[in-house]
């Protein structure tokens, strides 16, 4: 099994476990919009674009390690699916709503 497939499968399995848990809750239940967005992300295999995305990163990062490019793309797709139009606002949402961060990977 290639590592790209394994990463994609781990993401899908992790999201599936979390979605199942979130849907079982009666209080603080996840919204239908979030469920639809999560299911959409689970169906898209972004691992095939990893080499292209990684080629856009600097080979010598200056400070900390860069974020995973597939997670970054997935986050932008999630932002679009949930109709956010500001990356700044989206970053704040990811910090205050852990479910969104889990969905983004």
PDB file of N, CA and C in Angstrom:
ATOM      1  N   UNK A   1       0.859  -1.175   0.000  1.00  0.00           N
ATOM      2  CA  UNK A   1       0.000   0.000   0.000  1.00  0.00           C
ATOM      3  C   UNK A   1       0.902   1.234   0.000  1.00  0.00           C
ATOM      4  N   UNK A   2       0.682   2.144  -0.951  1.00  0.00           N
ATOM      5  CA  UNK A   2       1.539   3.327  -1.004  1.00  0.00           C
ATOM      6  C   UNK A   2       1.155   4.298   0.121  1.00  0.00           C
ATOM      7  N   UNK A   3       2.138   5.103   0.527  1.00  0.00           N
ATOM      8  CA  UNK A   3       1.917   5.987   1.672  1.00  0.00           C
ATOM      9  C   UNK A   3       0.867   7.049   1.388  1.00  0.00           C
ATOM     10  N   UNK A   4       0.756   7.508   0.126  1.00  0.00           N
ATOM     11  CA  UNK A   4      -0.256   8.519  -0.207  1.00  0.00           C
ATOM     12  C   UNK A   4      -1.654   7.970   0.037  1.00  0.00           C
ATOM     13  N   UNK A   5      -1.875   6.736  -0.372  1.00  0.00           N
ATOM     14  CA  UNK A   5      -3.176   6.113  -0.159  1.00  0.00           C
ATOM     15  C   UNK A   5      -3.444   5.965   1.332  1.00  0.00           C
ATOM     16  N   UNK A   6      -2.415   5.590   2.085  1.00  0.00           N
ATOM     17  CA  UNK A   6      -2.570   5.384   3.521  1.00  0.00           C
ATOM     18  C   UNK A   6      -2.943   6.691   4.220  1.00  0.00           C
ATOM     19  N   UNK A   7      -2.313   7.809   3.816  1.00  0.00           N
ATOM     20  CA  UNK A   7      -2.618   9.109   4.420  1.00  0.00           C
ATOM     21  C   UNK A   7      -4.070   9.489   4.132  1.00  0.00           C
ATOM     22  N   UNK A   8      -4.498   9.310   2.889  1.00  0.00           N
ATOM     23  CA  UNK A   8      -5.871   9.632   2.516  1.00  0.00           C
ATOM     24  C   UNK A   8      -6.856   8.757   3.284  1.00  0.00           C
ATOM     25  N   UNK A   9      -6.516   7.489   3.419  1.00  0.00           N
ATOM     26  CA  UNK A   9      -7.397   6.569   4.138  1.00  0.00           C
ATOM     27  C   UNK A   9      -7.461   6.929   5.621  1.00  0.00           C
ATOM     28  N   UNK A  10      -6.332   7.288   6.217  1.00  0.00           N
ATOM     29  CA  UNK A  10      -6.318   7.686   7.628  1.00  0.00           C
ATOM     30  C   UNK A  10      -7.170   8.924   7.855  1.00  0.00           C
ATOM     31  N   UNK A  11      -7.076   9.884   6.939  1.00  0.00           N
ATOM     32  CA  UNK A  11      -7.904  11.094   7.053  1.00  0.00           C
ATOM     33  C   UNK A  11      -9.381  10.712   7.002  1.00  0.00           C
ATOM     34  N   UNK A  12      -9.760   9.910   6.012  1.00  0.00           N
ATOM     35  CA  UNK A  12     -11.165   9.526   5.854  1.00  0.00           C
ATOM     36  C   UNK A  12     -11.669   8.745   7.063  1.00  0.00           C
ATOM     37  N   UNK A  13     -10.863   7.832   7.568  1.00  0.00           N
ATOM     38  CA  UNK A  13     -11.274   7.039   8.733  1.00  0.00           C
ATOM     39  C   UNK A  13     -11.425   7.921   9.966  1.00  0.00           C
ATOM     40  N   UNK A  14     -10.476   8.820  10.183  1.00  0.00           N
ATOM     41  CA  UNK A  14     -10.538   9.729  11.328  1.00  0.00           C
ATOM     42  C   UNK A  14     -11.779  10.619  11.242  1.00  0.00           C
ATOM     43  N   UNK A  15     -12.039  11.154  10.068  1.00  0.00           N
ATOM     44  CA  UNK A  15     -13.207  12.011   9.895  1.00  0.00           C
ATOM     45  C   UNK A  15     -14.496  11.214  10.080  1.00  0.00           C
ATOM     46  N   UNK A  16     -14.515   9.991   9.587  1.00  0.00           N
ATOM     47  CA  UNK A  16     -15.706   9.138   9.735  1.00  0.00           C
ATOM     48  C   UNK A  16     -15.996   8.859  11.214  1.00  0.00           C
ATOM     49  N   UNK A  17     -14.966   8.554  11.971  1.00  0.00           N
ATOM     50  CA  UNK A  17     -15.135   8.299  13.415  1.00  0.00           C
ATOM     51  C   UNK A  17     -15.679   9.553  14.101  1.00  0.00           C
ATOM     52  N   UNK A  18     -15.097  10.695  13.777  1.00  0.00           N
ATOM     53  CA  UNK A  18     -15.561  11.942  14.399  1.00  0.00           C
ATOM     54  C   UNK A  18     -16.980  12.288  13.983  1.00  0.00           C
ATOM     55  N   UNK A  19     -17.302  12.139  12.705  1.00  0.00           N
ATOM     56  CA  UNK A  19     -18.667  12.434  12.241  1.00  0.00           C
ATOM     57  C   UNK A  19     -19.686  11.545  12.950  1.00  0.00           C
ATOM     58  N   UNK A  20     -19.368  10.282  13.073  1.00  0.00           N
ATOM     59  CA  UNK A  20     -20.270   9.357  13.758  1.00  0.00           C
ATOM     60  C   UNK A  20     -20.516   9.815  15.185  1.00  0.00           C
ATOM     61  N   UNK A  21     -19.466  10.204  15.865  1.00  0.00           N
ATOM     62  CA  UNK A  21     -19.585  10.695  17.241  1.00  0.00           C
ATOM     63  C   UNK A  21     -20.411  11.980  17.300  1.00  0.00           C
ATOM     64  N   UNK A  22     -20.123  12.905  16.397  1.00  0.00           N
ATOM     65  CA  UNK A  22     -20.836  14.186  16.398  1.00  0.00           C
ATOM     66  C   UNK A  22     -22.317  14.007  16.092  1.00  0.00           C
ATOM     67  N   UNK A  23     -22.640  13.066  15.211  1.00  0.00           N
ATOM     68  CA  UNK A  23     -24.042  12.860  14.837  1.00  0.00           C
ATOM     69  C   UNK A  23     -24.840  12.167  15.939  1.00  0.00           C
ATOM     70  N   UNK A  24     -24.178  11.426  16.815  1.00  0.00           N
ATOM     71  CA  UNK A  24     -24.870  10.737  17.907  1.00  0.00           C
ATOM     72  C   UNK A  24     -25.294  11.686  19.016  1.00  0.00           C
ATOM     73  N   UNK A  25     -24.627  12.825  19.117  1.00  0.00           N
ATOM     74  CA  UNK A  25     -24.942  13.776  20.190  1.00  0.00           C
ATOM     75  C   UNK A  25     -26.299  14.425  19.953  1.00  0.00           C
ATOM     76  N   UNK A  26     -27.057  14.516  21.015  1.00  0.00           N
ATOM     77  CA  UNK A  26     -28.348  15.200  20.904  1.00  0.00           C
ATOM     78  C   UNK A  26     -28.167  16.697  21.124  1.00  0.00           C
ATOM     79  N   UNK A  27     -27.317  17.039  22.076  1.00  0.00           N
ATOM     80  CA  UNK A  27     -27.012  18.457  22.273  1.00  0.00           C
ATOM     81  C   UNK A  27     -25.721  18.762  21.521  1.00  0.00           C
ATOM     82  N   UNK A  28     -25.585  19.937  21.053  1.00  0.00           N
ATOM     83  CA  UNK A  28     -24.420  20.373  20.266  1.00  0.00           C
ATOM     84  C   UNK A  28     -24.192  19.487  19.046  1.00  0.00           C
ATOM     85  N   UNK A  29     -25.283  19.091  18.421  1.00  0.00           N
ATOM     86  CA  UNK A  29     -25.202  18.246  17.234  1.00  0.00           C
ATOM     87  C   UNK A  29     -24.601  19.053  16.089  1.00  0.00           C
ATOM     88  N   UNK A  30     -23.862  18.388  15.238  1.00  0.00           N
ATOM     89  CA  UNK A  30     -23.226  19.034  14.106  1.00  0.00           C
ATOM     90  C   UNK A  30     -24.293  19.430  13.076  1.00  0.00           C
ATOM     91  N   UNK A  31     -24.109  20.576  12.442  1.00  0.00           N
ATOM     92  CA  UNK A  31     -25.102  21.059  11.478  1.00  0.00           C
ATOM     93  C   UNK A  31     -25.063  20.239  10.192  1.00  0.00           C
ATOM     94  N   UNK A  32     -26.178  20.229   9.493  1.00  0.00           N
ATOM     95  CA  UNK A  32     -26.266  19.506   8.224  1.00  0.00           C
ATOM     96  C   UNK A  32     -25.266  20.051   7.206  1.00  0.00           C
ATOM     97  N   UNK A  33     -25.027  21.352   7.250  1.00  0.00           N
ATOM     98  CA  UNK A  33     -24.071  21.970   6.336  1.00  0.00           C
ATOM     99  C   UNK A  33     -22.663  21.418   6.582  1.00  0.00           C
ATOM    100  N   UNK A  34     -22.294  21.240   7.835  1.00  0.00           N
ATOM    101  CA  UNK A  34     -20.987  20.677   8.173  1.00  0.00           C
ATOM    102  C   UNK A  34     -20.891  19.224   7.721  1.00  0.00           C
ATOM    103  N   UNK A  35     -21.962  18.466   7.930  1.00  0.00           N
ATOM    104  CA  UNK A  35     -21.975  17.057   7.536  1.00  0.00           C
ATOM    105  C   UNK A  35     -21.791  16.941   6.028  1.00  0.00           C
ATOM    106  N   UNK A  36     -22.526  17.735   5.277  1.00  0.00           N
ATOM    107  CA  UNK A  36     -22.424  17.694   3.820  1.00  0.00           C
ATOM    108  C   UNK A  36     -21.015  18.055   3.350  1.00  0.00           C
ATOM    109  N   UNK A  37     -20.434  19.079   3.954  1.00  0.00           N
ATOM    110  CA  UNK A  37     -19.077  19.493   3.587  1.00  0.00           C
ATOM    111  C   UNK A  37     -18.071  18.392   3.925  1.00  0.00           C
ATOM    112  N   UNK A  38     -18.214  17.782   5.096  1.00  0.00           N
ATOM    113  CA  UNK A  38     -17.296  16.712   5.507  1.00  0.00           C
ATOM    114  C   UNK A  38     -17.396  15.513   4.572  1.00  0.00           C
ATOM    115  N   UNK A  39     -18.607  15.143   4.206  1.00  0.00           N
ATOM    116  CA  UNK A  39     -18.787  14.011   3.293  1.00  0.00           C
ATOM    117  C   UNK A  39     -18.195  14.314   1.921  1.00  0.00           C
ATOM    118  N   UNK A  40     -18.301  15.551   1.493  1.00  0.00           N
ATOM    119  CA  UNK A  40     -17.698  15.956   0.215  1.00  0.00           C
ATOM    120  C   UNK A  40     -16.188  15.814   0.289  1.00  0.00           C
ATOM    121  N   UNK A  41     -15.590  16.294   1.368  1.00  0.00           N
ATOM    122  CA  UNK A  41     -14.138  16.200   1.517  1.00  0.00           C
ATOM    123  C   UNK A  41     -13.667  14.758   1.598  1.00  0.00           C
ATOM    124  N   UNK A  42     -14.457  13.888   2.207  1.00  0.00           N
ATOM    125  CA  UNK A  42     -14.079  12.477   2.313  1.00  0.00           C
ATOM    126  C   UNK A  42     -14.025  11.822   0.942  1.00  0.00           C
ATOM    127  N   UNK A  43     -14.832  12.289   0.002  1.00  0.00           N
ATOM    128  CA  UNK A  43     -14.893  11.679  -1.332  1.00  0.00           C
ATOM    129  C   UNK A  43     -13.790  12.179  -2.265  1.00  0.00           C
ATOM    130  N   UNK A  44     -13.123  13.264  -1.894  1.00  0.00           N
ATOM    131  CA  UNK A  44     -12.096  13.841  -2.763  1.00  0.00           C
ATOM    132  C   UNK A  44     -10.722  13.357  -2.309  1.00  0.00           C
ATOM    133  N   UNK A  45      -9.998  12.722  -3.217  1.00  0.00           N
ATOM    134  CA  UNK A  45      -8.643  12.271  -2.904  1.00  0.00           C
ATOM    135  C   UNK A  45      -7.661  13.335  -3.361  1.00  0.00           C
ATOM    136  N   UNK A  46      -7.153  14.099  -2.411  1.00  0.00           N
ATOM    137  CA  UNK A  46      -6.222  15.184  -2.725  1.00  0.00           C
ATOM    138  C   UNK A  46      -4.768  14.729  -2.709  1.00  0.00           C
ATOM    139  N   UNK A  47      -4.515  13.493  -2.321  1.00  0.00           N
ATOM    140  CA  UNK A  47      -3.138  13.010  -2.241  1.00  0.00           C
ATOM    141  C   UNK A  47      -2.452  12.990  -3.603  1.00  0.00           C
ATOM    142  N   UNK A  48      -3.201  12.904  -4.657  1.00  0.00           N
ATOM    143  CA  UNK A  48      -2.588  12.874  -5.992  1.00  0.00           C
ATOM    144  C   UNK A  48      -1.935  14.205  -6.356  1.00  0.00           C
ATOM    145  N   UNK A  49      -2.354  15.289  -5.724  1.00  0.00           N
ATOM    146  CA  UNK A  49      -1.752  16.600  -6.021  1.00  0.00           C
ATOM    147  C   UNK A  49      -0.637  16.961  -5.040  1.00  0.00           C
ATOM    148  N   UNK A  50      -0.356  16.080  -4.083  1.00  0.00           N
ATOM    149  CA  UNK A  50       0.688  16.360  -3.093  1.00  0.00           C
ATOM    150  C   UNK A  50       2.035  16.699  -3.744  1.00  0.00           C
ATOM    151  N   UNK A  51       2.528  15.921  -4.703  1.00  0.00           N
ATOM    152  CA  UNK A  51       3.837  16.265  -5.286  1.00  0.00           C
ATOM    153  C   UNK A  51       3.855  17.668  -5.909  1.00  0.00           C
ATOM    154  N   UNK A  52       2.799  18.031  -6.585  1.00  0.00           N
ATOM    155  CA  UNK A  52       2.725  19.354  -7.193  1.00  0.00           C
ATOM    156  C   UNK A  52       2.730  20.439  -6.116  1.00  0.00           C
ATOM    157  N   UNK A  53       1.922  20.264  -5.082  1.00  0.00           N
ATOM    158  CA  UNK A  53       1.858  21.249  -4.008  1.00  0.00           C
ATOM    159  C   UNK A  53       3.192  21.356  -3.270  1.00  0.00           C
ATOM    160  N   UNK A  54       3.819  20.221  -3.007  1.00  0.00           N
ATOM    161  CA  UNK A  54       5.099  20.244  -2.300  1.00  0.00           C
ATOM    162  C   UNK A  54       6.183  20.930  -3.125  1.00  0.00           C
ATOM    163  N   UNK A  55       6.078  20.844  -4.438  1.00  0.00           N
ATOM    164  CA  UNK A  55       7.077  21.503  -5.288  1.00  0.00           C
ATOM    165  C   UNK A  55       6.989  23.027  -5.192  1.00  0.00           C
ATOM    166  N   UNK A  56       5.872  23.538  -4.711  1.00  0.00           N
ATOM    167  CA  UNK A  56       5.689  24.977  -4.561  1.00  0.00           C
ATOM    168  C   UNK A  56       6.258  25.511  -3.244  1.00  0.00           C
ATOM    169  N   UNK A  57       6.596  24.603  -2.338  1.00  0.00           N
ATOM    170  CA  UNK A  57       7.157  24.986  -1.041  1.00  0.00           C
ATOM    171  C   UNK A  57       8.660  25.211  -1.171  1.00  0.00           C
ATOM    172  N   UNK A  58       9.183  26.065  -0.336  1.00  0.00           N
ATOM    173  CA  UNK A  58      10.624  26.315  -0.305  1.00  0.00           C
ATOM    174  C   UNK A  58      11.359  25.059   0.162  1.00  0.00           C
ATOM    175  N   UNK A  59      12.477  24.720  -0.478  1.00  0.00           N
ATOM    176  CA  UNK A  59      13.234  23.555  -0.024  1.00  0.00           C
ATOM    177  C   UNK A  59      13.951  23.811   1.307  1.00  0.00           C
ATOM    178  N   UNK A  60      14.098  25.078   1.674  1.00  0.00           N
ATOM    179  CA  UNK A  60      14.767  25.451   2.927  1.00  0.00           C
ATOM    180  C   UNK A  60      13.889  26.384   3.743  1.00  0.00           C
ATOM    181  N   UNK A  61      12.897  25.828   4.473  1.00  0.00           N
ATOM    182  CA  UNK A  61      12.061  26.704   5.287  1.00  0.00           C
ATOM    183  C   UNK A  61      12.895  27.410   6.354  1.00  0.00           C
ATOM    184  N   UNK A  62      12.552  28.655   6.619  1.00  0.00           N
ATOM    185  CA  UNK A  62      13.373  29.469   7.525  1.00  0.00           C
ATOM    186  C   UNK A  62      13.117  29.194   9.000  1.00  0.00           C
ATOM    187  N   UNK A  63      11.908  28.981   9.369  1.00  0.00           N
ATOM    188  CA  UNK A  63      11.604  28.811  10.796  1.00  0.00           C
ATOM    189  C   UNK A  63      11.023  27.424  11.046  1.00  0.00           C
ATOM    190  N   UNK A  64       9.764  27.374  11.287  1.00  0.00           N
ATOM    191  CA  UNK A  64       9.124  26.095  11.598  1.00  0.00           C
ATOM    192  C   UNK A  64       8.843  25.317  10.314  1.00  0.00           C
ATOM    193  N   UNK A  65       8.536  24.057  10.485  1.00  0.00           N
ATOM    194  CA  UNK A  65       8.164  23.226   9.344  1.00  0.00           C
ATOM    195  C   UNK A  65       6.867  23.763   8.731  1.00  0.00           C
ATOM    196  N   UNK A  66       6.744  23.725   7.418  1.00  0.00           N
ATOM    197  CA  UNK A  66       5.518  24.230   6.788  1.00  0.00           C
ATOM    198  C   UNK A  66       4.331  23.301   7.069  1.00  0.00           C
ATOM    199  N   UNK A  67       3.148  23.857   6.969  1.00  0.00           N
ATOM    200  CA  UNK A  67       1.938  23.051   7.116  1.00  0.00           C
ATOM    201  C   UNK A  67       1.847  22.062   5.967  1.00  0.00           C
ATOM    202  N   UNK A  68       1.164  20.967   6.217  1.00  0.00           N
ATOM    203  CA  UNK A  68       0.942  19.958   5.188  1.00  0.00           C
ATOM    204  C   UNK A  68       0.156  20.604   4.042  1.00  0.00           C
ATOM    205  N   UNK A  69       0.677  20.566   2.806  1.00  0.00           N
ATOM    206  CA  UNK A  69       0.003  21.245   1.695  1.00  0.00           C
ATOM    207  C   UNK A  69      -1.370  20.671   1.364  1.00  0.00           C
ATOM    208  N   UNK A  70      -1.543  19.373   1.555  1.00  0.00           N
ATOM    209  CA  UNK A  70      -2.856  18.767   1.291  1.00  0.00           C
ATOM    210  C   UNK A  70      -3.873  19.258   2.312  1.00  0.00           C
ATOM    211  N   UNK A  71      -3.461  19.378   3.565  1.00  0.00           N
ATOM    212  CA  UNK A  71      -4.366  19.911   4.594  1.00  0.00           C
ATOM    213  C   UNK A  71      -4.718  21.363   4.307  1.00  0.00           C
ATOM    214  N   UNK A  72      -3.747  22.107   3.825  1.00  0.00           N
ATOM    215  CA  UNK A  72      -4.004  23.510   3.485  1.00  0.00           C
ATOM    216  C   UNK A  72      -5.031  23.603   2.353  1.00  0.00           C
ATOM    217  N   UNK A  73      -4.863  22.779   1.324  1.00  0.00           N
ATOM    218  CA  UNK A  73      -5.816  22.778   0.208  1.00  0.00           C
ATOM    219  C   UNK A  73      -7.189  22.322   0.686  1.00  0.00           C
ATOM    220  N   UNK A  74      -7.206  21.279   1.511  1.00  0.00           N
ATOM    221  CA  UNK A  74      -8.483  20.784   2.043  1.00  0.00           C
ATOM    222  C   UNK A  74      -9.177  21.863   2.864  1.00  0.00           C
ATOM    223  N   UNK A  75      -8.413  22.612   3.638  1.00  0.00           N
ATOM    224  CA  UNK A  75      -8.980  23.694   4.435  1.00  0.00           C
ATOM    225  C   UNK A  75      -9.597  24.768   3.535  1.00  0.00           C
ATOM    226  N   UNK A  76      -8.899  25.114   2.458  1.00  0.00           N
ATOM    227  CA  UNK A  76      -9.453  26.108   1.526  1.00  0.00           C
ATOM    228  C   UNK A  76     -10.720  25.592   0.842  1.00  0.00           C
ATOM    229  N   UNK A  77     -10.738  24.312   0.512  1.00  0.00           N
ATOM    230  CA  UNK A  77     -11.952  23.727  -0.067  1.00  0.00           C
ATOM    231  C   UNK A  77     -13.104  23.759   0.927  1.00  0.00           C
ATOM    232  N   UNK A  78     -12.804  23.435   2.182  1.00  0.00           N
ATOM    233  CA  UNK A  78     -13.828  23.483   3.229  1.00  0.00           C
ATOM    234  C   UNK A  78     -14.334  24.907   3.412  1.00  0.00           C
ATOM    235  N   UNK A  79     -13.425  25.858   3.401  1.00  0.00           N
ATOM    236  CA  UNK A  79     -13.797  27.268   3.511  1.00  0.00           C
ATOM    237  C   UNK A  79     -14.781  27.643   2.399  1.00  0.00           C
ATOM    238  N   UNK A  80     -14.493  27.173   1.197  1.00  0.00           N
ATOM    239  CA  UNK A  80     -15.361  27.465   0.052  1.00  0.00           C
ATOM    240  C   UNK A  80     -16.710  26.760   0.186  1.00  0.00           C
ATOM    241  N   UNK A  81     -16.679  25.501   0.598  1.00  0.00           N
ATOM    242  CA  UNK A  81     -17.926  24.748   0.761  1.00  0.00           C
ATOM    243  C   UNK A  81     -18.843  25.387   1.804  1.00  0.00           C
ATOM    244  N   UNK A  82     -18.245  25.974   2.834  1.00  0.00           N
ATOM    245  CA  UNK A  82     -19.037  26.600   3.902  1.00  0.00           C
ATOM    246  C   UNK A  82     -19.284  28.086   3.649  1.00  0.00           C
ATOM    247  N   UNK A  83     -18.909  28.551   2.472  1.00  0.00           N
ATOM    248  CA  UNK A  83     -19.193  29.905   1.978  1.00  0.00           C
ATOM    249  C   UNK A  83     -18.529  31.027   2.789  1.00  0.00           C
ATOM    250  N   UNK A  84     -17.311  30.794   3.233  1.00  0.00           N
ATOM    251  CA  UNK A  84     -16.532  31.870   3.846  1.00  0.00           C
ATOM    252  C   UNK A  84     -15.800  32.586   2.722  1.00  0.00           C
ATOM    253  N   UNK A  85     -15.680  33.897   2.834  1.00  0.00           N
ATOM    254  CA  UNK A  85     -14.999  34.631   1.777  1.00  0.00           C
ATOM    255  C   UNK A  85     -13.753  35.368   2.254  1.00  0.00           C
ATOM    256  N   UNK A  86     -13.369  35.157   3.489  1.00  0.00           N
ATOM    257  CA  UNK A  86     -12.184  35.806   4.048  1.00  0.00           C
ATOM    258  C   UNK A  86     -11.291  34.757   4.701  1.00  0.00           C
ATOM    259  N   UNK A  87     -10.053  34.675   4.250  1.00  0.00           N
ATOM    260  CA  UNK A  87      -9.122  33.721   4.847  1.00  0.00           C
ATOM    261  C   UNK A  87      -8.848  34.092   6.302  1.00  0.00           C
ATOM    262  N   UNK A  88      -8.808  35.376   6.599  1.00  0.00           N
ATOM    263  CA  UNK A  88      -8.597  35.820   7.981  1.00  0.00           C
ATOM    264  C   UNK A  88      -9.731  35.337   8.881  1.00  0.00           C
ATOM    265  N   UNK A  89     -10.976  35.527   8.425  1.00  0.00           N
ATOM    266  CA  UNK A  89     -12.124  35.044   9.197  1.00  0.00           C
ATOM    267  C   UNK A  89     -12.101  33.523   9.314  1.00  0.00           C
ATOM    268  N   UNK A  90     -11.695  32.863   8.247  1.00  0.00           N
ATOM    269  CA  UNK A  90     -11.633  31.401   8.250  1.00  0.00           C
ATOM    270  C   UNK A  90     -10.614  30.908   9.282  1.00  0.00           C
ATOM    271  N   UNK A  91      -9.459  31.557   9.331  1.00  0.00           N
ATOM    272  CA  UNK A  91      -8.426  31.172  10.298  1.00  0.00           C
ATOM    273  C   UNK A  91      -8.953  31.309  11.728  1.00  0.00           C
ATOM    274  N   UNK A  92      -9.722  32.362  11.989  1.00  0.00           N
ATOM    275  CA  UNK A  92     -10.316  32.549  13.321  1.00  0.00           C
ATOM    276  C   UNK A  92     -11.313  31.433  13.624  1.00  0.00           C
ATOM    277  N   UNK A  93     -12.103  31.065  12.615  1.00  0.00           N
ATOM    278  CA  UNK A  93     -13.086  29.986  12.804  1.00  0.00           C
ATOM    279  C   UNK A  93     -12.388  28.664  13.117  1.00  0.00           C
ATOM    280  N   UNK A  94     -11.298  28.386  12.428  1.00  0.00           N
ATOM    281  CA  UNK A  94     -10.570  27.142  12.677  1.00  0.00           C
ATOM    282  C   UNK A  94     -10.034  27.088  14.100  1.00  0.00           C
ATOM    283  N   UNK A  95      -9.646  28.234  14.637  1.00  0.00           N
ATOM    284  CA  UNK A  95      -9.117  28.276  16.002  1.00  0.00           C
ATOM    285  C   UNK A  95     -10.215  28.130  17.050  1.00  0.00           C
ATOM    286  N   UNK A  96     -11.413  28.630  16.752  1.00  0.00           N
ATOM    287  CA  UNK A  96     -12.483  28.620  17.744  1.00  0.00           C
ATOM    288  C   UNK A  96     -13.455  27.450  17.597  1.00  0.00           C
ATOM    289  N   UNK A  97     -13.402  26.778  16.466  1.00  0.00           N
ATOM    290  CA  UNK A  97     -14.307  25.648  16.232  1.00  0.00           C
ATOM    291  C   UNK A  97     -13.493  24.398  15.876  1.00  0.00           C
ATOM    292  N   UNK A  98     -13.149  23.601  16.880  1.00  0.00           N
ATOM    293  CA  UNK A  98     -12.292  22.436  16.659  1.00  0.00           C
ATOM    294  C   UNK A  98     -12.844  21.457  15.622  1.00  0.00           C
ATOM    295  N   UNK A  99     -14.160  21.381  15.488  1.00  0.00           N
ATOM    296  CA  UNK A  99     -14.727  20.458  14.494  1.00  0.00           C
ATOM    297  C   UNK A  99     -14.267  20.842  13.087  1.00  0.00           C
ATOM    298  N   UNK A 100     -14.198  22.125  12.820  1.00  0.00           N
ATOM    299  CA  UNK A 100     -13.737  22.568  11.509  1.00  0.00           C
ATOM    300  C   UNK A 100     -12.285  22.178  11.284  1.00  0.00           C
ATOM    301  N   UNK A 101     -11.472  22.314  12.310  1.00  0.00           N
ATOM    302  CA  UNK A 101     -10.053  21.944  12.191  1.00  0.00           C
ATOM    303  C   UNK A 101      -9.909  20.448  11.933  1.00  0.00           C
ATOM    304  N   UNK A 102     -10.723  19.645  12.590  1.00  0.00           N
ATOM    305  CA  UNK A 102     -10.693  18.197  12.363  1.00  0.00           C
ATOM    306  C   UNK A 102     -11.126  17.889  10.932  1.00  0.00           C
ATOM    307  N   UNK A 103     -12.170  18.564  10.476  1.00  0.00           N
ATOM    308  CA  UNK A 103     -12.654  18.343   9.117  1.00  0.00           C
ATOM    309  C   UNK A 103     -11.600  18.719   8.076  1.00  0.00           C
ATOM    310  N   UNK A 104     -10.822  19.740   8.360  1.00  0.00           N
ATOM    311  CA  UNK A 104      -9.784  20.182   7.434  1.00  0.00           C
ATOM    312  C   UNK A 104      -8.577  19.253   7.462  1.00  0.00           C
ATOM    313  N   UNK A 105      -8.469  18.470   8.508  1.00  0.00           N
ATOM    314  CA  UNK A 105      -7.367  17.517   8.586  1.00  0.00           C
ATOM    315  C   UNK A 105      -6.191  18.045   9.328  1.00  0.00           C
TER     316      UNK A 105
END
